[in-house]
C-alpha atoms as a PDB file:
ATOM      1  CA  VAL A   1     134.340  81.471  70.161  1.00  0.00           C
ATOM      2  CA  ILE A   2     136.166  79.302  67.453  1.00  0.00           C
ATOM      3  CA  PHE A   3     135.287  80.399  64.394  1.00  0.00           C
ATOM      4  CA  ILE A   4     136.160  80.043  60.207  1.00  0.00           C
ATOM      5  CA  GLU A   5     135.481  83.690  57.996  1.00  0.00           C
ATOM      6  CA  PRO A   6     135.338  82.967  54.466  1.00  0.00           C
ATOM      7  CA  VAL A   7     136.654  86.159  52.239  1.00  0.00           C
ATOM      8  CA  MET A   8     133.825  88.918  51.452  1.00  0.00           C
ATOM      9  CA  THR A   9     133.175  88.287  47.818  1.00  0.00           C
ATOM     10  CA  GLU A  10     130.987  90.189  45.671  1.00  0.00           C
ATOM     11  CA  GLU A  11     129.094  86.874  44.337  1.00  0.00           C
ATOM     12  CA  LEU A  12     128.736  86.102  48.498  1.00  0.00           C
ATOM     13  CA  LYS A  13     127.495  89.615  49.137  1.00  0.00           C
ATOM     14  CA  ASN A  14     124.956  89.290  46.633  1.00  0.00           C
ATOM     15  CA  VAL A  15     123.888  85.858  47.724  1.00  0.00           C
ATOM     16  CA  HIS A  16     123.200  87.582  51.448  1.00  0.00           C
ATOM     17  CA  LYS A  17     121.515  90.308  49.435  1.00  0.00           C
ATOM     18  CA  GLU A  18     119.230  88.394  47.811  1.00  0.00           C
ATOM     19  CA  PHE A  19     118.744  86.231  50.965  1.00  0.00           C
ATOM     20  CA  ILE A  20     117.400  89.586  52.624  1.00  0.00           C
ATOM     21  CA  ASP A  21     115.290  90.390  49.942  1.00  0.00           C
ATOM     22  CA  PHE A  22     113.459  87.219  49.805  1.00  0.00           C
ATOM     23  CA  MET A  23     113.125  86.852  53.962  1.00  0.00           C
ATOM     24  CA  SER A  24     111.476  90.969  53.467  1.00  0.00           C
ATOM     25  CA  ASP A  25     108.708  88.740  52.402  1.00  0.00           C
ATOM     26  CA  PHE A  26     108.231  87.357  56.171  1.00  0.00           C
ATOM     27  CA  ASP A  27     107.119  88.630  59.370  1.00  0.00           C
ATOM     28  CA  GLY A  28     109.433  89.064  61.736  1.00  0.00           C
ATOM     29  CA  GLU A  29     113.091  91.775  62.504  1.00  0.00           C
ATOM     30  CA  LEU A  30     115.878  91.444  60.724  1.00  0.00           C
ATOM     31  CA  ASN A  31     119.058  92.037  63.477  1.00  0.00           C
ATOM     32  CA  GLN A  32     121.094  94.623  62.908  1.00  0.00           C
ATOM     33  CA  TYR A  33     124.224  91.966  62.613  1.00  0.00           C
ATOM     34  CA  TYR A  34     122.546  90.723  59.260  1.00  0.00           C
ATOM     35  CA  SER A  35     122.480  93.756  57.482  1.00  0.00           C
ATOM     36  CA  ILE A  36     124.866  93.860  54.506  1.00  0.00           C
ATOM     37  CA  ASP A  37     126.840  96.715  55.662  1.00  0.00           C
ATOM     38  CA  LYS A  38     127.445  94.760  59.107  1.00  0.00           C
ATOM     39  CA  TRP A  39     127.066  90.710  58.545  1.00  0.00           C
ATOM     40  CA  MET A  40     130.229  88.959  58.906  1.00  0.00           C
ATOM     41  CA  PRO A  41     129.524  85.416  57.164  1.00  0.00           C
ATOM     42  CA  HIS A  42     131.360  82.503  59.497  1.00  0.00           C
ATOM     43  CA  CYS A  43     131.511  79.224  60.404  1.00  0.00           C
ATOM     44  CA  THR A  44     131.236  78.644  64.283  1.00  0.00           C
ATOM     45  CA  ILE A  45     133.304  76.066  65.306  1.00  0.00           C
ATOM     46  CA  ALA A  46     133.079  76.020  69.615  1.00  0.00           C
ATOM     47  CA  ILE A  47     131.450  78.514  71.791  1.00  0.00           C
ATOM     48  CA  ARG A  48     131.603  79.059  75.107  1.00  0.00           C
ATOM     49  CA  LEU A  49     134.845  77.080  76.035  1.00  0.00           C
ATOM     50  CA  SER A  50     137.204  77.857  78.610  1.00  0.00           C
ATOM     51  CA  ASP A  51     140.857  78.954  78.705  1.00  0.00           C
ATOM     52  CA  GLU A  52     141.998  75.164  78.953  1.00  0.00           C
ATOM     53  CA  GLU A  53     139.494  74.175  75.801  1.00  0.00           C
ATOM     54  CA  LEU A  54     139.956  77.304  73.636  1.00  0.00           C
ATOM     55  CA  PHE A  55     143.849  76.652  73.342  1.00  0.00           C
ATOM     56  CA  LYS A  56     143.031  73.088  72.849  1.00  0.00           C
ATOM     57  CA  GLY A  57     140.826  73.935  70.261  1.00  0.00           C
ATOM     58  CA  ILE A  58     143.627  76.643  68.602  1.00  0.00           C
ATOM     59  CA  LYS A  59     146.332  73.816  68.706  1.00  0.00           C
ATOM     60  CA  LEU A  60     143.758  70.851  67.359  1.00  0.00           C
ATOM     61  CA  LEU A  61     142.710  73.838  64.546  1.00  0.00           C
ATOM     62  CA  LYS A  62     146.505  74.770  63.884  1.00  0.00           C
ATOM     63  CA  ARG A  63     148.058  70.910  63.571  1.00  0.00           C
ATOM     64  CA  ASN A  64     144.879  69.688  61.487  1.00  0.00           C
ATOM     65  CA  LEU A  65     143.020  72.345  59.408  1.00  0.00           C
ATOM     66  CA  LYS A  66     144.250  72.953  56.242  1.00  0.00           C
ATOM     67  CA  LEU A  67     143.435  75.918  54.322  1.00  0.00           C
ATOM     68  CA  PRO A  68     142.404  77.493  51.937  1.00  0.00           C
ATOM     69  CA  ILE A  69     139.276  75.534  52.232  1.00  0.00           C
ATOM     70  CA  LYS A  70     137.299  74.755  48.980  1.00  0.00           C
ATOM     71  CA  ALA A  71     133.732  73.893  49.469  1.00  0.00           C
ATOM     72  CA  LYS A  72     130.408  73.949  47.562  1.00  0.00           C
ATOM     73  CA  VAL A  73     126.942  74.384  49.442  1.00  0.00           C
ATOM     74  CA  GLU A  74     124.471  71.741  48.592  1.00  0.00           C
ATOM     75  CA  LYS A  75     121.946  72.543  51.187  1.00  0.00           C
ATOM     76  CA  ILE A  76     120.609  75.542  53.154  1.00  0.00           C
ATOM     77  CA  ASP A  77     118.557  75.106  56.269  1.00  0.00           C
ATOM     78  CA  ILE A  78     117.056  77.845  58.697  1.00  0.00           C
ATOM     79  CA  ILE A  79     117.232  77.459  61.972  1.00  0.00           C
ATOM     80  CA  ASN A  80     115.203  79.503  64.378  1.00  0.00           C
ATOM     81  CA  TYR A  81     117.984  80.016  67.146  1.00  0.00           C
ATOM     82  CA  PRO A  82     117.208  78.826  70.232  1.00  0.00           C
ATOM     83  CA  PHE A  83     114.768  76.960  69.332  1.00  0.00           C
ATOM     84  CA  ASN A  84     116.368  74.585  66.876  1.00  0.00           C
ATOM     85  CA  GLN A  85     113.072  74.741  64.889  1.00  0.00           C
ATOM     86  CA  ILE A  86     114.075  73.976  61.501  1.00  0.00           C
ATOM     87  CA  LEU A  87     111.854  76.691  59.880  1.00  0.00           C
ATOM     88  CA  ILE A  88     112.817  76.150  55.720  1.00  0.00           C
ATOM     89  CA  ALA A  89     114.439  73.556  54.627  1.00  0.00           C
ATOM     90  CA  ASP A  90     116.478  71.569  51.632  1.00  0.00           C
ATOM     91  CA  ILE A  91     117.038  74.778  49.598  1.00  0.00           C
ATOM     92  CA  LYS A  92     118.678  74.160  46.210  1.00  0.00           C
END
């Protein structure tokens, strides 16, 4: 897996806690990895790579990725994985 991991700040942790509180009104069970003390925010870039693809991906990122990345969240979608059904869209 190749992924980017943002710095965990109190603000990000609070946003995640608010999301968990919001989702508690819905049926279903929270995966243990999303609990406040275990959650690791990340952005997956690639998964299930062969060794050759992994090394090529790392080289590409090393050459082209300029860190740190500053970003602004403009939209959040909730996806029902693995079915890719959008459950809630355009939360702003």
